[in-house]
Amino acid sequence: MPVQLPADEFERLVEAELDALPADMLEGLENIAFVIEDEPDDDEDLFGRYEGVDLTQRGQYGFGELPDRIVLFRLPHLDAAESLQELRDEVRTTLVHEIGHFYGLDDDRLHELGWA
């Protein structure tokens, strides 16, 4: 049976998992917003999405730029987890995966690293 967790509790869980990530993974993040939505607007089967220009593709980047976004989709996470620990693990994997995209890692490389 999937985990049931209200939106505010899911947000706290995401914040806790983000805070628990290694500092060296987070120190390069700049001008990025972490957002939680219930599910993707399209019919894709996604846990998360990176929206922005990754570090390897940026030219002149700075003042006045809108923040990139890492979006986590709550309902797919809840549907995939049968325990709170499974949910935490999947949220952590999704965060690492999407942060990897921010740093310019493609899905193949993320799979090689075990982050996908």
PDB file of N, CA and C in Angstrom:
ATOM      1  N   MET A   1       0.846  -1.175   0.000  1.00  0.00           N
ATOM      2  CA  MET A   1       0.000   0.000   0.000  1.00  0.00           C
ATOM      3  C   MET A   1       0.898   1.247   0.000  1.00  0.00           C
ATOM      4  N   PRO A   2       0.625   2.194  -0.874  1.00  0.00           N
ATOM      5  CA  PRO A   2       1.442   3.416  -0.941  1.00  0.00           C
ATOM      6  C   PRO A   2       1.385   4.226   0.351  1.00  0.00           C
ATOM      7  N   VAL A   3       2.430   4.957   0.579  1.00  0.00           N
ATOM      8  CA  VAL A   3       2.513   5.841   1.744  1.00  0.00           C
ATOM      9  C   VAL A   3       1.545   7.007   1.558  1.00  0.00           C
ATOM     10  N   GLN A   4       0.880   7.375   2.625  1.00  0.00           N
ATOM     11  CA  GLN A   4       0.015   8.548   2.624  1.00  0.00           C
ATOM     12  C   GLN A   4       0.715   9.626   3.448  1.00  0.00           C
ATOM     13  N   LEU A   5       0.909  10.806   2.822  1.00  0.00           N
ATOM     14  CA  LEU A   5       1.591  11.886   3.521  1.00  0.00           C
ATOM     15  C   LEU A   5       1.056  13.210   2.996  1.00  0.00           C
ATOM     16  N   PRO A   6       0.512  14.040   3.871  1.00  0.00           N
ATOM     17  CA  PRO A   6       0.007  15.347   3.435  1.00  0.00           C
ATOM     18  C   PRO A   6       1.133  16.199   2.838  1.00  0.00           C
ATOM     19  N   ALA A   7       0.756  17.172   2.059  1.00  0.00           N
ATOM     20  CA  ALA A   7       1.722  18.011   1.345  1.00  0.00           C
ATOM     21  C   ALA A   7       2.712  18.683   2.284  1.00  0.00           C
ATOM     22  N   ASP A   8       2.252  19.190   3.419  1.00  0.00           N
ATOM     23  CA  ASP A   8       3.163  19.888   4.324  1.00  0.00           C
ATOM     24  C   ASP A   8       4.189  18.939   4.944  1.00  0.00           C
ATOM     25  N   GLU A   9       3.782  17.719   5.249  1.00  0.00           N
ATOM     26  CA  GLU A   9       4.722  16.737   5.793  1.00  0.00           C
ATOM     27  C   GLU A   9       5.714  16.268   4.721  1.00  0.00           C
ATOM     28  N   PHE A  10       5.233  16.132   3.489  1.00  0.00           N
ATOM     29  CA  PHE A  10       6.135  15.772   2.391  1.00  0.00           C
ATOM     30  C   PHE A  10       7.181  16.863   2.206  1.00  0.00           C
ATOM     31  N   GLU A  11       6.762  18.113   2.284  1.00  0.00           N
ATOM     32  CA  GLU A  11       7.699  19.228   2.151  1.00  0.00           C
ATOM     33  C   GLU A  11       8.767  19.172   3.242  1.00  0.00           C
ATOM     34  N   ARG A  12       8.368  18.890   4.466  1.00  0.00           N
ATOM     35  CA  ARG A  12       9.345  18.776   5.559  1.00  0.00           C
ATOM     36  C   ARG A  12      10.309  17.614   5.324  1.00  0.00           C
ATOM     37  N   LEU A  13       9.796  16.508   4.794  1.00  0.00           N
ATOM     38  CA  LEU A  13      10.648  15.367   4.486  1.00  0.00           C
ATOM     39  C   LEU A  13      11.677  15.736   3.412  1.00  0.00           C
ATOM     40  N   VAL A  14      11.231  16.435   2.375  1.00  0.00           N
ATOM     41  CA  VAL A  14      12.141  16.875   1.308  1.00  0.00           C
ATOM     42  C   VAL A  14      13.207  17.804   1.876  1.00  0.00           C
ATOM     43  N   GLU A  15      12.808  18.749   2.710  1.00  0.00           N
ATOM     44  CA  GLU A  15      13.770  19.669   3.325  1.00  0.00           C
ATOM     45  C   GLU A  15      14.804  18.911   4.152  1.00  0.00           C
ATOM     46  N   ALA A  16      14.357  17.922   4.901  1.00  0.00           N
ATOM     47  CA  ALA A  16      15.274  17.133   5.732  1.00  0.00           C
ATOM     48  C   ALA A  16      16.256  16.350   4.860  1.00  0.00           C
ATOM     49  N   GLU A  17      15.778  15.764   3.772  1.00  0.00           N
ATOM     50  CA  GLU A  17      16.660  15.011   2.880  1.00  0.00           C
ATOM     51  C   GLU A  17      17.632  15.941   2.167  1.00  0.00           C
ATOM     52  N   LEU A  18      17.187  17.111   1.806  1.00  0.00           N
ATOM     53  CA  LEU A  18      18.072  18.094   1.174  1.00  0.00           C
ATOM     54  C   LEU A  18      19.151  18.537   2.165  1.00  0.00           C
ATOM     55  N   ASP A  19      18.767  18.787   3.387  1.00  0.00           N
ATOM     56  CA  ASP A  19      19.725  19.186   4.420  1.00  0.00           C
ATOM     57  C   ASP A  19      20.742  18.086   4.719  1.00  0.00           C
ATOM     58  N   ALA A  20      20.360  16.835   4.500  1.00  0.00           N
ATOM     59  CA  ALA A  20      21.239  15.706   4.809  1.00  0.00           C
ATOM     60  C   ALA A  20      22.229  15.385   3.684  1.00  0.00           C
ATOM     61  N   LEU A  21      22.081  16.023   2.527  1.00  0.00           N
ATOM     62  CA  LEU A  21      23.008  15.765   1.424  1.00  0.00           C
ATOM     63  C   LEU A  21      24.390  16.324   1.758  1.00  0.00           C
ATOM     64  N   PRO A  22      25.432  15.735   1.185  1.00  0.00           N
ATOM     65  CA  PRO A  22      26.793  16.220   1.471  1.00  0.00           C
ATOM     66  C   PRO A  22      26.975  17.683   1.071  1.00  0.00           C
ATOM     67  N   ALA A  23      27.704  18.414   1.890  1.00  0.00           N
ATOM     68  CA  ALA A  23      27.924  19.844   1.653  1.00  0.00           C
ATOM     69  C   ALA A  23      28.579  20.100   0.311  1.00  0.00           C
ATOM     70  N   ASP A  24      29.516  19.234  -0.115  1.00  0.00           N
ATOM     71  CA  ASP A  24      30.193  19.477  -1.389  1.00  0.00           C
ATOM     72  C   ASP A  24      29.254  19.325  -2.587  1.00  0.00           C
ATOM     73  N   MET A  25      28.152  18.601  -2.412  1.00  0.00           N
ATOM     74  CA  MET A  25      27.156  18.495  -3.482  1.00  0.00           C
ATOM     75  C   MET A  25      26.331  19.775  -3.577  1.00  0.00           C
ATOM     76  N   LEU A  26      26.124  20.426  -2.453  1.00  0.00           N
ATOM     77  CA  LEU A  26      25.249  21.593  -2.400  1.00  0.00           C
ATOM     78  C   LEU A  26      25.985  22.914  -2.583  1.00  0.00           C
ATOM     79  N   GLU A  27      27.279  22.955  -2.325  1.00  0.00           N
ATOM     80  CA  GLU A  27      27.987  24.231  -2.302  1.00  0.00           C
ATOM     81  C   GLU A  27      28.036  24.927  -3.660  1.00  0.00           C
ATOM     82  N   GLY A  28      27.923  24.209  -4.741  1.00  0.00           N
ATOM     83  CA  GLY A  28      27.941  24.833  -6.061  1.00  0.00           C
ATOM     84  C   GLY A  28      26.580  25.283  -6.556  1.00  0.00           C
ATOM     85  N   LEU A  29      25.536  24.987  -5.815  1.00  0.00           N
ATOM     86  CA  LEU A  29      24.191  25.369  -6.234  1.00  0.00           C
ATOM     87  C   LEU A  29      23.998  26.861  -6.008  1.00  0.00           C
ATOM     88  N   GLU A  30      23.643  27.553  -7.066  1.00  0.00           N
ATOM     89  CA  GLU A  30      23.347  28.969  -6.938  1.00  0.00           C
ATOM     90  C   GLU A  30      22.196  29.324  -7.854  1.00  0.00           C
ATOM     91  N   ASN A  31      21.384  30.243  -7.395  1.00  0.00           N
ATOM     92  CA  ASN A  31      20.233  30.716  -8.150  1.00  0.00           C
ATOM     93  C   ASN A  31      19.343  29.553  -8.601  1.00  0.00           C
ATOM     94  N   ILE A  32      18.992  28.716  -7.623  1.00  0.00           N
ATOM     95  CA  ILE A  32      18.150  27.557  -7.910  1.00  0.00           C
ATOM     96  C   ILE A  32      17.058  27.451  -6.854  1.00  0.00           C
ATOM     97  N   ALA A  33      15.857  27.151  -7.285  1.00  0.00           N
ATOM     98  CA  ALA A  33      14.721  26.994  -6.385  1.00  0.00           C
ATOM     99  C   ALA A  33      14.292  25.536  -6.373  1.00  0.00           C
ATOM    100  N   PHE A  34      14.019  25.023  -5.194  1.00  0.00           N
ATOM    101  CA  PHE A  34      13.471  23.679  -5.045  1.00  0.00           C
ATOM    102  C   PHE A  34      11.968  23.830  -4.860  1.00  0.00           C
ATOM    103  N   VAL A  35      11.203  23.130  -5.695  1.00  0.00           N
ATOM    104  CA  VAL A  35       9.753  23.286  -5.740  1.00  0.00           C
ATOM    105  C   VAL A  35       9.107  21.909  -5.637  1.00  0.00           C
ATOM    106  N   ILE A  36       7.983  21.842  -4.947  1.00  0.00           N
ATOM    107  CA  ILE A  36       7.223  20.601  -4.868  1.00  0.00           C
ATOM    108  C   ILE A  36       5.877  20.821  -5.537  1.00  0.00           C
ATOM    109  N   GLU A  37       5.553  19.930  -6.455  1.00  0.00           N
ATOM    110  CA  GLU A  37       4.250  19.932  -7.122  1.00  0.00           C
ATOM    111  C   GLU A  37       3.650  18.543  -6.954  1.00  0.00           C
ATOM    112  N   ASP A  38       2.339  18.444  -7.071  1.00  0.00           N
ATOM    113  CA  ASP A  38       1.706  17.132  -6.895  1.00  0.00           C
ATOM    114  C   ASP A  38       2.115  16.140  -7.974  1.00  0.00           C
ATOM    115  N   GLU A  39       2.059  16.569  -9.239  1.00  0.00           N
ATOM    116  CA  GLU A  39       2.423  15.669 -10.338  1.00  0.00           C
ATOM    117  C   GLU A  39       2.754  16.491 -11.569  1.00  0.00           C
ATOM    118  N   PRO A  40       3.442  15.875 -12.528  1.00  0.00           N
ATOM    119  CA  PRO A  40       3.773  16.615 -13.763  1.00  0.00           C
ATOM    120  C   PRO A  40       2.505  17.006 -14.518  1.00  0.00           C
ATOM    121  N   ASP A  41       2.564  18.140 -15.211  1.00  0.00           N
ATOM    122  CA  ASP A  41       1.431  18.580 -16.030  1.00  0.00           C
ATOM    123  C   ASP A  41       1.204  17.655 -17.219  1.00  0.00           C
ATOM    124  N   ASP A  42       2.308  17.166 -17.778  1.00  0.00           N
ATOM    125  CA  ASP A  42       2.179  16.220 -18.882  1.00  0.00           C
ATOM    126  C   ASP A  42       1.955  14.831 -18.297  1.00  0.00           C
ATOM    127  N   ASP A  43       1.810  13.850 -19.123  1.00  0.00           N
ATOM    128  CA  ASP A  43       1.534  12.500 -18.639  1.00  0.00           C
ATOM    129  C   ASP A  43       2.803  11.689 -18.404  1.00  0.00           C
ATOM    130  N   GLU A  44       3.933  12.363 -18.271  1.00  0.00           N
ATOM    131  CA  GLU A  44       5.181  11.646 -18.047  1.00  0.00           C
ATOM    132  C   GLU A  44       5.205  11.031 -16.657  1.00  0.00           C
ATOM    133  N   ASP A  45       5.895   9.919 -16.563  1.00  0.00           N
ATOM    134  CA  ASP A  45       6.059   9.219 -15.296  1.00  0.00           C
ATOM    135  C   ASP A  45       7.361   9.678 -14.673  1.00  0.00           C
ATOM    136  N   LEU A  46       7.314  10.796 -13.941  1.00  0.00           N
ATOM    137  CA  LEU A  46       8.511  11.411 -13.387  1.00  0.00           C
ATOM    138  C   LEU A  46       8.409  11.578 -11.884  1.00  0.00           C
ATOM    139  N   PHE A  47       9.565  11.468 -11.218  1.00  0.00           N
ATOM    140  CA  PHE A  47       9.660  11.811  -9.805  1.00  0.00           C
ATOM    141  C   PHE A  47      10.122  13.253  -9.637  1.00  0.00           C
ATOM    142  N   GLY A  48      10.850  13.745 -10.633  1.00  0.00           N
ATOM    143  CA  GLY A  48      11.364  15.105 -10.544  1.00  0.00           C
ATOM    144  C   GLY A  48      11.799  15.611 -11.897  1.00  0.00           C
ATOM    145  N   ARG A  49      12.159  16.893 -11.921  1.00  0.00           N
ATOM    146  CA  ARG A  49      12.584  17.519 -13.184  1.00  0.00           C
ATOM    147  C   ARG A  49      13.502  18.693 -12.845  1.00  0.00           C
ATOM    148  N   TYR A  50      14.584  18.798 -13.630  1.00  0.00           N
ATOM    149  CA  TYR A  50      15.443  19.974 -13.549  1.00  0.00           C
ATOM    150  C   TYR A  50      15.041  20.897 -14.681  1.00  0.00           C
ATOM    151  N   GLU A  51      14.769  22.151 -14.370  1.00  0.00           N
ATOM    152  CA  GLU A  51      14.384  23.148 -15.366  1.00  0.00           C
ATOM    153  C   GLU A  51      15.388  24.287 -15.303  1.00  0.00           C
ATOM    154  N   GLY A  52      16.189  24.412 -16.333  1.00  0.00           N
ATOM    155  CA  GLY A  52      17.172  25.478 -16.353  1.00  0.00           C
ATOM    156  C   GLY A  52      18.288  25.181 -17.328  1.00  0.00           C
ATOM    157  N   VAL A  53      19.364  25.910 -17.187  1.00  0.00           N
ATOM    158  CA  VAL A  53      20.548  25.757 -18.026  1.00  0.00           C
ATOM    159  C   VAL A  53      21.657  25.222 -17.134  1.00  0.00           C
ATOM    160  N   ASP A  54      22.100  23.985 -17.418  1.00  0.00           N
ATOM    161  CA  ASP A  54      23.098  23.386 -16.532  1.00  0.00           C
ATOM    162  C   ASP A  54      24.428  24.130 -16.609  1.00  0.00           C
ATOM    163  N   LEU A  55      25.264  23.896 -15.635  1.00  0.00           N
ATOM    164  CA  LEU A  55      26.520  24.638 -15.506  1.00  0.00           C
ATOM    165  C   LEU A  55      27.429  24.499 -16.721  1.00  0.00           C
ATOM    166  N   THR A  56      27.372  23.369 -17.409  1.00  0.00           N
ATOM    167  CA  THR A  56      28.256  23.182 -18.569  1.00  0.00           C
ATOM    168  C   THR A  56      27.796  23.975 -19.784  1.00  0.00           C
ATOM    169  N   GLN A  57      26.560  24.458 -19.769  1.00  0.00           N
ATOM    170  CA  GLN A  57      26.005  25.176 -20.924  1.00  0.00           C
ATOM    171  C   GLN A  57      25.896  26.683 -20.700  1.00  0.00           C
ATOM    172  N   ARG A  58      26.222  27.134 -19.519  1.00  0.00           N
ATOM    173  CA  ARG A  58      26.051  28.550 -19.205  1.00  0.00           C
ATOM    174  C   ARG A  58      27.188  29.369 -19.783  1.00  0.00           C
ATOM    175  N   GLY A  59      26.813  30.484 -20.372  1.00  0.00           N
ATOM    176  CA  GLY A  59      27.797  31.462 -20.813  1.00  0.00           C
ATOM    177  C   GLY A  59      27.819  32.570 -19.785  1.00  0.00           C
ATOM    178  N   GLN A  60      27.377  33.725 -20.195  1.00  0.00           N
ATOM    179  CA  GLN A  60      27.239  34.841 -19.270  1.00  0.00           C
ATOM    180  C   GLN A  60      26.000  34.575 -18.426  1.00  0.00           C
ATOM    181  N   TYR A  61      26.204  34.405 -17.159  1.00  0.00           N
ATOM    182  CA  TYR A  61      25.108  34.092 -16.267  1.00  0.00           C
ATOM    183  C   TYR A  61      25.303  34.909 -15.008  1.00  0.00           C
ATOM    184  N   GLY A  62      24.283  35.572 -14.592  1.00  0.00           N
ATOM    185  CA  GLY A  62      24.473  36.363 -13.387  1.00  0.00           C
ATOM    186  C   GLY A  62      23.251  37.164 -13.030  1.00  0.00           C
ATOM    187  N   PHE A  63      23.488  38.386 -12.693  1.00  0.00           N
ATOM    188  CA  PHE A  63      22.459  39.268 -12.175  1.00  0.00           C
ATOM    189  C   PHE A  63      21.242  39.316 -13.100  1.00  0.00           C
ATOM    190  N   GLY A  64      20.075  39.189 -12.511  1.00  0.00           N
ATOM    191  CA  GLY A  64      18.832  39.329 -13.256  1.00  0.00           C
ATOM    192  C   GLY A  64      18.291  38.042 -13.848  1.00  0.00           C
ATOM    193  N   GLU A  65      19.023  36.949 -13.720  1.00  0.00           N
ATOM    194  CA  GLU A  65      18.544  35.676 -14.257  1.00  0.00           C
ATOM    195  C   GLU A  65      17.490  35.086 -13.321  1.00  0.00           C
ATOM    196  N   LEU A  66      16.427  34.539 -13.905  1.00  0.00           N
ATOM    197  CA  LEU A  66      15.458  33.812 -13.090  1.00  0.00           C
ATOM    198  C   LEU A  66      16.123  32.549 -12.564  1.00  0.00           C
ATOM    199  N   PRO A  67      15.736  32.100 -11.395  1.00  0.00           N
ATOM    200  CA  PRO A  67      16.376  30.890 -10.868  1.00  0.00           C
ATOM    201  C   PRO A  67      16.000  29.644 -11.666  1.00  0.00           C
ATOM    202  N   ASP A  68      16.955  28.724 -11.757  1.00  0.00           N
ATOM    203  CA  ASP A  68      16.638  27.389 -12.248  1.00  0.00           C
ATOM    204  C   ASP A  68      15.729  26.748 -11.208  1.00  0.00           C
ATOM    205  N   ARG A  69      15.089  25.647 -11.607  1.00  0.00           N
ATOM    206  CA  ARG A  69      14.180  24.976 -10.681  1.00  0.00           C
ATOM    207  C   ARG A  69      14.455  23.476 -10.661  1.00  0.00           C
ATOM    208  N   ILE A  70      14.407  22.920  -9.486  1.00  0.00           N
ATOM    209  CA  ILE A  70      14.337  21.478  -9.328  1.00  0.00           C
ATOM    210  C   ILE A  70      12.967  21.202  -8.738  1.00  0.00           C
ATOM    211  N   VAL A  71      12.176  20.463  -9.492  1.00  0.00           N
ATOM    212  CA  VAL A  71      10.800  20.174  -9.099  1.00  0.00           C
ATOM    213  C   VAL A  71      10.712  18.710  -8.674  1.00  0.00           C
ATOM    214  N   LEU A  72      10.166  18.474  -7.500  1.00  0.00           N
ATOM    215  CA  LEU A  72       9.868  17.117  -7.047  1.00  0.00           C
ATOM    216  C   LEU A  72       8.369  16.932  -7.089  1.00  0.00           C
ATOM    217  N   PHE A  73       7.945  15.791  -7.629  1.00  0.00           N
ATOM    218  CA  PHE A  73       6.518  15.503  -7.758  1.00  0.00           C
ATOM    219  C   PHE A  73       6.092  14.566  -6.619  1.00  0.00           C
ATOM    220  N   ARG A  74       5.213  15.066  -5.790  1.00  0.00           N
ATOM    221  CA  ARG A  74       4.809  14.381  -4.560  1.00  0.00           C
ATOM    222  C   ARG A  74       4.069  13.068  -4.808  1.00  0.00           C
ATOM    223  N   LEU A  75       3.023  13.091  -5.636  1.00  0.00           N
ATOM    224  CA  LEU A  75       2.174  11.900  -5.793  1.00  0.00           C
ATOM    225  C   LEU A  75       2.915  10.706  -6.380  1.00  0.00           C
ATOM    226  N   PRO A  76       3.751  10.865  -7.403  1.00  0.00           N
ATOM    227  CA  PRO A  76       4.512   9.697  -7.874  1.00  0.00           C
ATOM    228  C   PRO A  76       5.432   9.116  -6.796  1.00  0.00           C
ATOM    229  N   HIS A  77       6.023   9.982  -5.966  1.00  0.00           N
ATOM    230  CA  HIS A  77       6.849   9.481  -4.869  1.00  0.00           C
ATOM    231  C   HIS A  77       6.002   8.658  -3.894  1.00  0.00           C
ATOM    232  N   LEU A  78       4.848   9.177  -3.530  1.00  0.00           N
ATOM    233  CA  LEU A  78       3.991   8.465  -2.579  1.00  0.00           C
ATOM    234  C   LEU A  78       3.519   7.134  -3.154  1.00  0.00           C
ATOM    235  N   ASP A  79       3.164   7.130  -4.439  1.00  0.00           N
ATOM    236  CA  ASP A  79       2.688   5.902  -5.082  1.00  0.00           C
ATOM    237  C   ASP A  79       3.766   4.824  -5.139  1.00  0.00           C
ATOM    238  N   ALA A  80       5.025   5.227  -5.214  1.00  0.00           N
ATOM    239  CA  ALA A  80       6.122   4.265  -5.383  1.00  0.00           C
ATOM    240  C   ALA A  80       6.635   3.710  -4.059  1.00  0.00           C
ATOM    241  N   ALA A  81       6.303   4.337  -2.957  1.00  0.00           N
ATOM    242  CA  ALA A  81       6.870   3.948  -1.666  1.00  0.00           C
ATOM    243  C   ALA A  81       5.852   3.197  -0.815  1.00  0.00           C
ATOM    244  N   GLU A  82       6.313   2.124  -0.190  1.00  0.00           N
ATOM    245  CA  GLU A  82       5.460   1.362   0.703  1.00  0.00           C
ATOM    246  C   GLU A  82       5.798   1.598   2.170  1.00  0.00           C
ATOM    247  N   SER A  83       6.829   2.403   2.411  1.00  0.00           N
ATOM    248  CA  SER A  83       7.187   2.743   3.787  1.00  0.00           C
ATOM    249  C   SER A  83       7.784   4.148   3.789  1.00  0.00           C
ATOM    250  N   LEU A  84       7.840   4.727   4.954  1.00  0.00           N
ATOM    251  CA  LEU A  84       8.417   6.055   5.080  1.00  0.00           C
ATOM    252  C   LEU A  84       9.899   6.046   4.702  1.00  0.00           C
ATOM    253  N   GLN A  85      10.602   4.969   5.039  1.00  0.00           N
ATOM    254  CA  GLN A  85      12.018   4.875   4.680  1.00  0.00           C
ATOM    255  C   GLN A  85      12.198   4.772   3.169  1.00  0.00           C
ATOM    256  N   GLU A  86      11.357   3.998   2.491  1.00  0.00           N
ATOM    257  CA  GLU A  86      11.410   3.934   1.024  1.00  0.00           C
ATOM    258  C   GLU A  86      11.157   5.309   0.424  1.00  0.00           C
ATOM    259  N   LEU A  87      10.223   6.051   0.992  1.00  0.00           N
ATOM    260  CA  LEU A  87       9.925   7.396   0.510  1.00  0.00           C
ATOM    261  C   LEU A  87      11.138   8.296   0.679  1.00  0.00           C
ATOM    262  N   ARG A  88      11.767   8.266   1.848  1.00  0.00           N
ATOM    263  CA  ARG A  88      12.977   9.065   2.081  1.00  0.00           C
ATOM    264  C   ARG A  88      14.073   8.709   1.074  1.00  0.00           C
ATOM    265  N   ASP A  89      14.268   7.409   0.868  1.00  0.00           N
ATOM    266  CA  ASP A  89      15.305   6.957  -0.072  1.00  0.00           C
ATOM    267  C   ASP A  89      15.026   7.454  -1.488  1.00  0.00           C
ATOM    268  N   GLU A  90      13.760   7.379  -1.908  1.00  0.00           N
ATOM    269  CA  GLU A  90      13.417   7.811  -3.270  1.00  0.00           C
ATOM    270  C   GLU A  90      13.541   9.324  -3.417  1.00  0.00           C
ATOM    271  N   VAL A  91      13.145  10.067  -2.395  1.00  0.00           N
ATOM    272  CA  VAL A  91      13.291  11.528  -2.437  1.00  0.00           C
ATOM    273  C   VAL A  91      14.771  11.886  -2.537  1.00  0.00           C
ATOM    274  N   ARG A  92      15.596  11.221  -1.745  1.00  0.00           N
ATOM    275  CA  ARG A  92      17.037  11.490  -1.788  1.00  0.00           C
ATOM    276  C   ARG A  92      17.600  11.188  -3.176  1.00  0.00           C
ATOM    277  N   THR A  93      17.229  10.046  -3.747  1.00  0.00           N
ATOM    278  CA  THR A  93      17.697   9.687  -5.085  1.00  0.00           C
ATOM    279  C   THR A  93      17.261  10.726  -6.105  1.00  0.00           C
ATOM    280  N   THR A  94      16.020  11.187  -6.001  1.00  0.00           N
ATOM    281  CA  THR A  94      15.517  12.196  -6.937  1.00  0.00           C
ATOM    282  C   THR A  94      16.277  13.506  -6.782  1.00  0.00           C
ATOM    283  N   LEU A  95      16.507  13.934  -5.559  1.00  0.00           N
ATOM    284  CA  LEU A  95      17.267  15.170  -5.336  1.00  0.00           C
ATOM    285  C   LEU A  95      18.664  15.063  -5.949  1.00  0.00           C
ATOM    286  N   VAL A  96      19.355  13.968  -5.671  1.00  0.00           N
ATOM    287  CA  VAL A  96      20.710  13.783  -6.199  1.00  0.00           C
ATOM    288  C   VAL A  96      20.684  13.748  -7.725  1.00  0.00           C
ATOM    289  N   HIS A  97      19.701  13.058  -8.283  1.00  0.00           N
ATOM    290  CA  HIS A  97      19.563  12.957  -9.740  1.00  0.00           C
ATOM    291  C   HIS A  97      19.380  14.342 -10.371  1.00  0.00           C
ATOM    292  N   GLU A  98      18.464  15.125  -9.846  1.00  0.00           N
ATOM    293  CA  GLU A  98      18.182  16.436 -10.434  1.00  0.00           C
ATOM    294  C   GLU A  98      19.324  17.419 -10.183  1.00  0.00           C
ATOM    295  N   ILE A  99      19.966  17.337  -9.042  1.00  0.00           N
ATOM    296  CA  ILE A  99      21.148  18.164  -8.799  1.00  0.00           C
ATOM    297  C   ILE A  99      22.248  17.777  -9.779  1.00  0.00           C
ATOM    298  N   GLY A 100      22.354  16.491 -10.076  1.00  0.00           N
ATOM    299  CA  GLY A 100      23.302  16.037 -11.091  1.00  0.00           C
ATOM    300  C   GLY A 100      23.046  16.696 -12.437  1.00  0.00           C
ATOM    301  N   HIS A 101      21.784  16.824 -12.829  1.00  0.00           N
ATOM    302  CA  HIS A 101      21.452  17.523 -14.077  1.00  0.00           C
ATOM    303  C   HIS A 101      21.904  18.980 -14.017  1.00  0.00           C
ATOM    304  N   PHE A 102      21.742  19.634 -12.870  1.00  0.00           N
ATOM    305  CA  PHE A 102      22.208  21.009 -12.701  1.00  0.00           C
ATOM    306  C   PHE A 102      23.702  21.105 -13.009  1.00  0.00           C
ATOM    307  N   TYR A 103      24.461  20.104 -12.564  1.00  0.00           N
ATOM    308  CA  TYR A 103      25.906  20.099 -12.789  1.00  0.00           C
ATOM    309  C   TYR A 103      26.289  19.616 -14.194  1.00  0.00           C
ATOM    310  N   GLY A 104      25.289  19.256 -14.998  1.00  0.00           N
ATOM    311  CA  GLY A 104      25.560  18.885 -16.383  1.00  0.00           C
ATOM    312  C   GLY A 104      25.681  17.399 -16.646  1.00  0.00           C
ATOM    313  N   LEU A 105      25.325  16.560 -15.687  1.00  0.00           N
ATOM    314  CA  LEU A 105      25.396  15.115 -15.888  1.00  0.00           C
ATOM    315  C   LEU A 105      24.140  14.642 -16.616  1.00  0.00           C
ATOM    316  N   ASP A 106      24.325  13.838 -17.663  1.00  0.00           N
ATOM    317  CA  ASP A 106      23.164  13.308 -18.379  1.00  0.00           C
ATOM    318  C   ASP A 106      22.687  12.016 -17.710  1.00  0.00           C
ATOM    319  N   ASP A 107      21.547  11.499 -18.175  1.00  0.00           N
ATOM    320  CA  ASP A 107      20.952  10.318 -17.553  1.00  0.00           C
ATOM    321  C   ASP A 107      21.877   9.107 -17.601  1.00  0.00           C
ATOM    322  N   ASP A 108      22.616   8.920 -18.705  1.00  0.00           N
ATOM    323  CA  ASP A 108      23.531   7.783 -18.797  1.00  0.00           C
ATOM    324  C   ASP A 108      24.583   7.843 -17.693  1.00  0.00           C
ATOM    325  N   ARG A 109      25.170   9.004 -17.482  1.00  0.00           N
ATOM    326  CA  ARG A 109      26.201   9.159 -16.451  1.00  0.00           C
ATOM    327  C   ARG A 109      25.584   8.996 -15.055  1.00  0.00           C
ATOM    328  N   LEU A 110      24.388   9.525 -14.864  1.00  0.00           N
ATOM    329  CA  LEU A 110      23.711   9.371 -13.576  1.00  0.00           C
ATOM    330  C   LEU A 110      23.435   7.905 -13.268  1.00  0.00           C
ATOM    331  N   HIS A 111      23.079   7.122 -14.299  1.00  0.00           N
ATOM    332  CA  HIS A 111      22.860   5.681 -14.115  1.00  0.00           C
ATOM    333  C   HIS A 111      24.175   4.996 -13.742  1.00  0.00           C
ATOM    334  N   GLU A 112      25.254   5.373 -14.418  1.00  0.00           N
ATOM    335  CA  GLU A 112      26.566   4.805 -14.102  1.00  0.00           C
ATOM    336  C   GLU A 112      26.938   5.058 -12.646  1.00  0.00           C
ATOM    337  N   LEU A 113      26.593   6.228 -12.139  1.00  0.00           N
ATOM    338  CA  LEU A 113      26.919   6.595 -10.771  1.00  0.00           C
ATOM    339  C   LEU A 113      25.922   6.043  -9.742  1.00  0.00           C
ATOM    340  N   GLY A 114      24.820   5.451 -10.242  1.00  0.00           N
ATOM    341  CA  GLY A 114      23.799   4.928  -9.353  1.00  0.00           C
ATOM    342  C   GLY A 114      22.829   5.963  -8.833  1.00  0.00           C
ATOM    343  N   TRP A 115      22.738   7.086  -9.522  1.00  0.00           N
ATOM    344  CA  TRP A 115      21.891   8.194  -9.096  1.00  0.00           C
ATOM    345  C   TRP A 115      20.601   8.281  -9.902  1.00  0.00           C
ATOM    346  N   ALA A 116      20.261   7.238 -10.593  1.00  0.00           N
ATOM    347  CA  ALA A 116      19.053   7.287 -11.430  1.00  0.00           C
ATOM    348  C   ALA A 116      18.266   6.003 -11.272  1.00  0.00           C
TER     349      ALA A 116
END
